[in-house]
Amino acid sequence: MMQNLITYFSSLPIWELAAVLLSISYVLLVAQNNRWCWPAAFFSTLIFTIIFYDVSLLMESLLNVYYMAMALYGWYRWQNSKVLMANNLLPVTRWCKVKHLKLIAILTLLSGVLGYVMDNYSQADFAYLDTFTTVFAVATTYLVTIKLLENWLYWFVINSVSVYLYLQKDLQATAALAIFNVVICIIGFINWQRIYKNQQGQQTASTISQEVA
């Protein structure tokens, strides 16, 4: 698989290679809680938008337009939110289990409906799984912009399912990239969880200090 990945990269046209490398940069930077992930995301999705449009994959192109918009929103929110911390960084947040269950239920229902349409009215393979990854990816991209810790768990599932889909289609190099993303999900979750715990500790210390004063 690694040899196929190397061959894949070496055979890519220059603009497609640039988009792939920028996408990898985005994933690495966001795992490090670095706001420069968003410019990388913007330019990678801009290139992919043009590439997919050029080969008449209009829905993929449209999806990347959405990702471009989320990149702009993410850049704005990560540095202009009213809740920026003292270090000028947007804090990592968490949701309660009930809120996650509601979101998962809504997205699963939407995936089922759209999957049924794709399965019965198109030539799509693995219609339900493909729709599931797309719908959840759209929603989870927004969760990254609000710096929700659990976004990494969503991406872990999405990328894991994507590995299976790519292998079924014999897209070994793409599957290898998805496996790379799965690993980054684990690293990103651990890093963001550490940041979240540090935030909680700082808030507790600040509260105690104010009470003493």
C-alpha atoms as a PDB file:
ATOM      1  CA  MET A   1       0.000   0.000   0.000  1.00  0.00           C
ATOM      2  CA  MET A   2       2.845   2.397   0.808  1.00  0.00           C
ATOM      3  CA  GLN A   3       4.416   1.829  -2.612  1.00  0.00           C
ATOM      4  CA  ASN A   4       1.058   2.528  -4.222  1.00  0.00           C
ATOM      5  CA  LEU A   5       0.805   5.721  -2.180  1.00  0.00           C
ATOM      6  CA  ILE A   6       4.252   6.870  -3.374  1.00  0.00           C
ATOM      7  CA  THR A   7       3.334   6.025  -6.964  1.00  0.00           C
ATOM      8  CA  TYR A   8       0.050   7.871  -6.524  1.00  0.00           C
ATOM      9  CA  PHE A   9       1.753  11.049  -5.340  1.00  0.00           C
ATOM     10  CA  SER A  10       4.443  10.958  -8.023  1.00  0.00           C
ATOM     11  CA  SER A  11       1.869  10.587 -10.791  1.00  0.00           C
ATOM     12  CA  LEU A  12      -0.392  13.435  -9.704  1.00  0.00           C
ATOM     13  CA  PRO A  13      -0.661  16.596 -11.840  1.00  0.00           C
ATOM     14  CA  ILE A  14       0.960  19.566 -10.119  1.00  0.00           C
ATOM     15  CA  TRP A  15      -2.292  21.259  -9.058  1.00  0.00           C
ATOM     16  CA  GLU A  16      -3.843  18.064  -7.753  1.00  0.00           C
ATOM     17  CA  LEU A  17      -0.631  17.311  -5.848  1.00  0.00           C
ATOM     18  CA  ALA A  18      -0.752  20.800  -4.347  1.00  0.00           C
ATOM     19  CA  ALA A  19      -4.353  20.259  -3.249  1.00  0.00           C
ATOM     20  CA  VAL A  20      -3.512  16.920  -1.630  1.00  0.00           C
ATOM     21  CA  LEU A  21      -0.488  18.341   0.216  1.00  0.00           C
ATOM     22  CA  LEU A  22      -2.514  21.321   1.418  1.00  0.00           C
ATOM     23  CA  SER A  23      -5.223  18.929   2.631  1.00  0.00           C
ATOM     24  CA  ILE A  24      -2.642  16.972   4.611  1.00  0.00           C
ATOM     25  CA  SER A  25      -1.273  20.245   6.004  1.00  0.00           C
ATOM     26  CA  TYR A  26      -4.787  21.209   7.096  1.00  0.00           C
ATOM     27  CA  VAL A  27      -5.285  17.974   9.023  1.00  0.00           C
ATOM     28  CA  LEU A  28      -1.900  18.242  10.732  1.00  0.00           C
ATOM     29  CA  LEU A  29      -2.379  21.912  11.644  1.00  0.00           C
ATOM     30  CA  VAL A  30      -5.890  21.494  13.007  1.00  0.00           C
ATOM     31  CA  ALA A  31      -4.675  18.619  15.199  1.00  0.00           C
ATOM     32  CA  GLN A  32      -2.090  21.044  16.601  1.00  0.00           C
ATOM     33  CA  ASN A  33      -4.783  23.640  17.306  1.00  0.00           C
ATOM     34  CA  ASN A  34      -3.152  25.984  14.790  1.00  0.00           C
ATOM     35  CA  ARG A  35      -5.437  28.547  13.128  1.00  0.00           C
ATOM     36  CA  TRP A  36      -3.332  28.428   9.935  1.00  0.00           C
ATOM     37  CA  CYS A  37      -5.131  25.182   9.170  1.00  0.00           C
ATOM     38  CA  TRP A  38      -7.915  27.269   7.630  1.00  0.00           C
ATOM     39  CA  PRO A  39      -5.863  28.965   4.866  1.00  0.00           C
ATOM     40  CA  ALA A  40      -4.542  25.496   3.972  1.00  0.00           C
ATOM     41  CA  ALA A  41      -8.109  24.198   3.876  1.00  0.00           C
ATOM     42  CA  PHE A  42      -9.312  27.134   1.787  1.00  0.00           C
ATOM     43  CA  PHE A  43      -6.704  26.819  -0.944  1.00  0.00           C
ATOM     44  CA  SER A  44      -6.893  23.014  -1.086  1.00  0.00           C
ATOM     45  CA  THR A  45     -10.673  23.085  -1.496  1.00  0.00           C
ATOM     46  CA  LEU A  46     -10.413  25.943  -4.014  1.00  0.00           C
ATOM     47  CA  ILE A  47      -8.165  23.788  -6.182  1.00  0.00           C
ATOM     48  CA  PHE A  48     -10.394  20.737  -5.730  1.00  0.00           C
ATOM     49  CA  THR A  49     -13.467  22.816  -6.644  1.00  0.00           C
ATOM     50  CA  ILE A  50     -11.876  23.713  -9.976  1.00  0.00           C
ATOM     51  CA  ILE A  51     -10.566  20.184 -10.588  1.00  0.00           C
ATOM     52  CA  PHE A  52     -13.919  18.504  -9.914  1.00  0.00           C
ATOM     53  CA  TYR A  53     -15.786  21.079 -11.986  1.00  0.00           C
ATOM     54  CA  ASP A  54     -13.365  20.542 -14.866  1.00  0.00           C
ATOM     55  CA  VAL A  55     -14.094  16.796 -14.904  1.00  0.00           C
ATOM     56  CA  SER A  56     -17.867  17.366 -14.501  1.00  0.00           C
ATOM     57  CA  LEU A  57     -18.107  16.025 -10.941  1.00  0.00           C
ATOM     58  CA  LEU A  58     -20.467  18.854 -10.113  1.00  0.00           C
ATOM     59  CA  MET A  59     -21.684  17.608  -6.710  1.00  0.00           C
ATOM     60  CA  GLU A  60     -18.109  17.071  -5.537  1.00  0.00           C
ATOM     61  CA  SER A  61     -17.280  20.542  -6.789  1.00  0.00           C
ATOM     62  CA  LEU A  62     -20.274  21.993  -4.942  1.00  0.00           C
ATOM     63  CA  LEU A  63     -19.273  20.146  -1.763  1.00  0.00           C
ATOM     64  CA  ASN A  64     -15.833  21.752  -1.939  1.00  0.00           C
ATOM     65  CA  VAL A  65     -17.438  25.183  -2.322  1.00  0.00           C
ATOM     66  CA  TYR A  66     -19.091  24.468   1.036  1.00  0.00           C
ATOM     67  CA  TYR A  67     -15.717  23.467   2.483  1.00  0.00           C
ATOM     68  CA  MET A  68     -14.268  26.750   1.203  1.00  0.00           C
ATOM     69  CA  ALA A  69     -17.005  28.678   2.989  1.00  0.00           C
ATOM     70  CA  MET A  70     -16.347  26.717   6.188  1.00  0.00           C
ATOM     71  CA  ALA A  71     -12.622  27.483   5.882  1.00  0.00           C
ATOM     72  CA  LEU A  72     -13.408  31.210   5.795  1.00  0.00           C
ATOM     73  CA  TYR A  73     -15.816  30.870   8.707  1.00  0.00           C
ATOM     74  CA  GLY A  74     -13.338  28.775  10.681  1.00  0.00           C
ATOM     75  CA  TRP A  75     -10.571  31.352  10.153  1.00  0.00           C
ATOM     76  CA  TYR A  76     -12.902  34.146  11.282  1.00  0.00           C
ATOM     77  CA  ARG A  77     -14.282  32.311  14.301  1.00  0.00           C
ATOM     78  CA  TRP A  78     -10.929  31.014  15.551  1.00  0.00           C
ATOM     79  CA  GLN A  79      -9.543  34.549  15.824  1.00  0.00           C
ATOM     80  CA  ASN A  80     -12.545  36.855  16.224  1.00  0.00           C
ATOM     81  CA  SER A  81     -14.843  35.055  18.651  1.00  0.00           C
ATOM     82  CA  LYS A  82     -16.031  36.909  21.767  1.00  0.00           C
ATOM     83  CA  VAL A  83     -14.846  33.976  23.878  1.00  0.00           C
ATOM     84  CA  LEU A  84     -11.166  34.045  22.895  1.00  0.00           C
ATOM     85  CA  MET A  85      -8.928  33.138  25.814  1.00  0.00           C
ATOM     86  CA  ALA A  86      -6.039  35.194  27.196  1.00  0.00           C
ATOM     87  CA  ASN A  87      -3.677  33.524  24.696  1.00  0.00           C
ATOM     88  CA  ASN A  88      -5.952  34.769  21.879  1.00  0.00           C
ATOM     89  CA  LEU A  89      -7.096  31.246  21.030  1.00  0.00           C
ATOM     90  CA  LEU A  90     -10.661  29.998  20.729  1.00  0.00           C
ATOM     91  CA  PRO A  91     -11.276  27.545  23.598  1.00  0.00           C
ATOM     92  CA  VAL A  92     -11.995  23.888  22.957  1.00  0.00           C
ATOM     93  CA  THR A  93     -15.611  23.083  23.837  1.00  0.00           C
ATOM     94  CA  ARG A  94     -17.640  19.972  24.619  1.00  0.00           C
ATOM     95  CA  TRP A  95     -21.258  18.935  24.212  1.00  0.00           C
ATOM     96  CA  CYS A  96     -23.372  16.799  26.523  1.00  0.00           C
ATOM     97  CA  LYS A  97     -24.280  13.277  25.387  1.00  0.00           C
ATOM     98  CA  VAL A  98     -27.910  14.225  24.728  1.00  0.00           C
ATOM     99  CA  LYS A  99     -26.900  16.906  22.233  1.00  0.00           C
ATOM    100  CA  HIS A 100     -24.645  14.456  20.414  1.00  0.00           C
ATOM    101  CA  LEU A 101     -27.376  11.817  20.307  1.00  0.00           C
ATOM    102  CA  LYS A 102     -29.813  14.331  18.814  1.00  0.00           C
ATOM    103  CA  LEU A 103     -27.303  15.345  16.141  1.00  0.00           C
ATOM    104  CA  ILE A 104     -26.448  11.724  15.317  1.00  0.00           C
ATOM    105  CA  ALA A 105     -30.151  10.825  15.078  1.00  0.00           C
ATOM    106  CA  ILE A 106     -30.878  13.721  12.706  1.00  0.00           C
ATOM    107  CA  LEU A 107     -27.847  13.021  10.505  1.00  0.00           C
ATOM    108  CA  THR A 108     -28.572   9.281  10.433  1.00  0.00           C
ATOM    109  CA  LEU A 109     -32.180   9.921   9.378  1.00  0.00           C
ATOM    110  CA  LEU A 110     -31.024  12.343   6.675  1.00  0.00           C
ATOM    111  CA  SER A 111     -28.399   9.841   5.500  1.00  0.00           C
ATOM    112  CA  GLY A 112     -31.043   7.128   5.295  1.00  0.00           C
ATOM    113  CA  VAL A 113     -33.409   9.261   3.206  1.00  0.00           C
ATOM    114  CA  LEU A 114     -30.728  10.510   0.833  1.00  0.00           C
ATOM    115  CA  GLY A 115     -29.173   7.036   0.706  1.00  0.00           C
ATOM    116  CA  TYR A 116     -32.521   5.585  -0.376  1.00  0.00           C
ATOM    117  CA  VAL A 117     -32.782   8.170  -3.151  1.00  0.00           C
ATOM    118  CA  MET A 118     -29.234   7.483  -4.337  1.00  0.00           C
ATOM    119  CA  ASP A 119     -29.729   3.721  -4.119  1.00  0.00           C
ATOM    120  CA  ASN A 120     -32.968   3.688  -6.111  1.00  0.00           C
ATOM    121  CA  TYR A 121     -32.584   6.594  -8.498  1.00  0.00           C
ATOM    122  CA  SER A 122     -28.886   6.649  -9.379  1.00  0.00           C
ATOM    123  CA  GLN A 123     -26.046   4.333 -10.324  1.00  0.00           C
ATOM    124  CA  ALA A 124     -24.236   4.948  -7.044  1.00  0.00           C
ATOM    125  CA  ASP A 125     -22.359   2.071  -5.417  1.00  0.00           C
ATOM    126  CA  PHE A 126     -22.539   1.675  -1.635  1.00  0.00           C
ATOM    127  CA  ALA A 127     -25.191   4.400  -1.742  1.00  0.00           C
ATOM    128  CA  TYR A 128     -26.010   4.346   1.955  1.00  0.00           C
ATOM    129  CA  LEU A 129     -22.426   4.270   3.224  1.00  0.00           C
ATOM    130  CA  ASP A 130     -21.295   6.891   0.716  1.00  0.00           C
ATOM    131  CA  THR A 131     -24.188   9.161   1.687  1.00  0.00           C
ATOM    132  CA  PHE A 132     -23.482   8.561   5.380  1.00  0.00           C
ATOM    133  CA  THR A 133     -19.876   9.732   5.071  1.00  0.00           C
ATOM    134  CA  THR A 134     -20.872  12.779   3.023  1.00  0.00           C
ATOM    135  CA  VAL A 135     -23.686  13.938   5.321  1.00  0.00           C
ATOM    136  CA  PHE A 136     -21.668  13.438   8.479  1.00  0.00           C
ATOM    137  CA  ALA A 137     -18.597  15.098   6.919  1.00  0.00           C
ATOM    138  CA  VAL A 138     -20.625  18.211   6.078  1.00  0.00           C
ATOM    139  CA  ALA A 139     -21.880  18.489   9.657  1.00  0.00           C
ATOM    140  CA  THR A 140     -18.572  17.585  11.278  1.00  0.00           C
ATOM    141  CA  THR A 141     -16.726  20.266   9.318  1.00  0.00           C
ATOM    142  CA  TYR A 142     -18.869  22.810  11.148  1.00  0.00           C
ATOM    143  CA  LEU A 143     -18.006  21.154  14.476  1.00  0.00           C
ATOM    144  CA  VAL A 144     -14.336  21.809  13.731  1.00  0.00           C
ATOM    145  CA  THR A 145     -15.021  25.528  13.176  1.00  0.00           C
ATOM    146  CA  ILE A 146     -16.561  25.814  16.662  1.00  0.00           C
ATOM    147  CA  LYS A 147     -13.643  23.783  18.050  1.00  0.00           C
ATOM    148  CA  LEU A 148     -15.758  20.969  19.486  1.00  0.00           C
ATOM    149  CA  LEU A 149     -13.559  18.285  21.031  1.00  0.00           C
ATOM    150  CA  GLU A 150     -15.755  15.418  19.887  1.00  0.00           C
ATOM    151  CA  ASN A 151     -15.387  16.352  16.213  1.00  0.00           C
ATOM    152  CA  TRP A 152     -12.379  13.999  16.201  1.00  0.00           C
ATOM    153  CA  LEU A 153     -14.603  11.071  17.178  1.00  0.00           C
ATOM    154  CA  TYR A 154     -16.948  11.837  14.296  1.00  0.00           C
ATOM    155  CA  TRP A 155     -14.032  12.079  11.864  1.00  0.00           C
ATOM    156  CA  PHE A 156     -12.606   8.826  13.218  1.00  0.00           C
ATOM    157  CA  VAL A 157     -15.798   6.989  12.245  1.00  0.00           C
ATOM    158  CA  ILE A 158     -16.133   8.816   8.920  1.00  0.00           C
ATOM    159  CA  ASN A 159     -12.575   8.083   7.859  1.00  0.00           C
ATOM    160  CA  SER A 160     -12.777   4.469   9.049  1.00  0.00           C
ATOM    161  CA  VAL A 161     -15.848   3.886   6.883  1.00  0.00           C
ATOM    162  CA  SER A 162     -14.100   5.689   4.021  1.00  0.00           C
ATOM    163  CA  VAL A 163     -11.154   3.267   4.263  1.00  0.00           C
ATOM    164  CA  TYR A 164     -13.561   0.382   3.679  1.00  0.00           C
ATOM    165  CA  LEU A 165     -15.250   2.140   0.745  1.00  0.00           C
ATOM    166  CA  TYR A 166     -11.947   3.008  -0.941  1.00  0.00           C
ATOM    167  CA  LEU A 167     -10.590  -0.523  -0.541  1.00  0.00           C
ATOM    168  CA  GLN A 168     -13.782  -1.950  -2.033  1.00  0.00           C
ATOM    169  CA  LYS A 169     -13.164   0.268  -5.066  1.00  0.00           C
ATOM    170  CA  ASP A 170      -9.481  -0.730  -5.174  1.00  0.00           C
ATOM    171  CA  LEU A 171      -8.408   2.835  -4.415  1.00  0.00           C
ATOM    172  CA  GLN A 172      -5.497   1.721  -2.286  1.00  0.00           C
ATOM    173  CA  ALA A 173      -3.582   4.987  -2.253  1.00  0.00           C
ATOM    174  CA  THR A 174      -6.705   6.932  -1.275  1.00  0.00           C
ATOM    175  CA  ALA A 175      -7.418   4.328   1.404  1.00  0.00           C
ATOM    176  CA  ALA A 176      -3.888   4.851   2.749  1.00  0.00           C
ATOM    177  CA  LEU A 177      -4.563   8.579   3.007  1.00  0.00           C
ATOM    178  CA  ALA A 178      -7.791   7.821   4.871  1.00  0.00           C
ATOM    179  CA  ILE A 179      -5.862   5.564   7.275  1.00  0.00           C
ATOM    180  CA  PHE A 180      -3.451   8.466   7.819  1.00  0.00           C
ATOM    181  CA  ASN A 181      -6.444  10.642   8.702  1.00  0.00           C
ATOM    182  CA  VAL A 182      -7.677   8.010  11.168  1.00  0.00           C
ATOM    183  CA  VAL A 183      -4.322   8.172  12.969  1.00  0.00           C
ATOM    184  CA  ILE A 184      -4.447  11.982  12.995  1.00  0.00           C
ATOM    185  CA  CYS A 185      -7.945  11.777  14.518  1.00  0.00           C
ATOM    186  CA  ILE A 186      -6.505   9.900  17.492  1.00  0.00           C
ATOM    187  CA  ILE A 187      -3.622  12.367  17.852  1.00  0.00           C
ATOM    188  CA  GLY A 188      -5.932  15.348  17.440  1.00  0.00           C
ATOM    189  CA  PHE A 189      -8.391  14.080  20.032  1.00  0.00           C
ATOM    190  CA  ILE A 190      -5.620  13.469  22.587  1.00  0.00           C
ATOM    191  CA  ASN A 191      -4.103  16.912  21.959  1.00  0.00           C
ATOM    192  CA  TRP A 192      -7.419  18.776  22.116  1.00  0.00           C
ATOM    193  CA  GLN A 193      -8.443  16.835  25.227  1.00  0.00           C
ATOM    194  CA  ARG A 194      -5.215  17.968  26.922  1.00  0.00           C
ATOM    195  CA  ILE A 195      -5.949  21.556  25.897  1.00  0.00           C
ATOM    196  CA  TYR A 196      -9.507  21.266  27.237  1.00  0.00           C
ATOM    197  CA  LYS A 197      -8.292  19.945  30.601  1.00  0.00           C
ATOM    198  CA  ASN A 198      -5.763  22.786  30.832  1.00  0.00           C
ATOM    199  CA  GLN A 199      -8.559  25.260  30.135  1.00  0.00           C
ATOM    200  CA  GLN A 200     -10.661  23.748  32.918  1.00  0.00           C
ATOM    201  CA  GLY A 201      -7.736  23.993  35.308  1.00  0.00           C
ATOM    202  CA  GLN A 202      -7.135  27.646  34.409  1.00  0.00           C
ATOM    203  CA  GLN A 203     -10.814  28.479  34.873  1.00  0.00           C
ATOM    204  CA  THR A 204     -10.836  26.780  38.278  1.00  0.00           C
ATOM    205  CA  ALA A 205      -7.704  28.665  39.347  1.00  0.00           C
ATOM    206  CA  SER A 206      -9.194  31.941  38.114  1.00  0.00           C
ATOM    207  CA  THR A 207     -12.427  31.318  40.040  1.00  0.00           C
ATOM    208  CA  ILE A 208     -10.538  30.536  43.250  1.00  0.00           C
ATOM    209  CA  SER A 209      -8.394  33.651  42.805  1.00  0.00           C
ATOM    210  CA  GLN A 210     -11.464  35.834  42.370  1.00  0.00           C
ATOM    211  CA  GLU A 211     -13.123  34.334  45.437  1.00  0.00           C
ATOM    212  CA  VAL A 212      -9.996  34.963  47.546  1.00  0.00           C
ATOM    213  CA  ALA A 213      -9.764  38.521  46.280  1.00  0.00           C
END
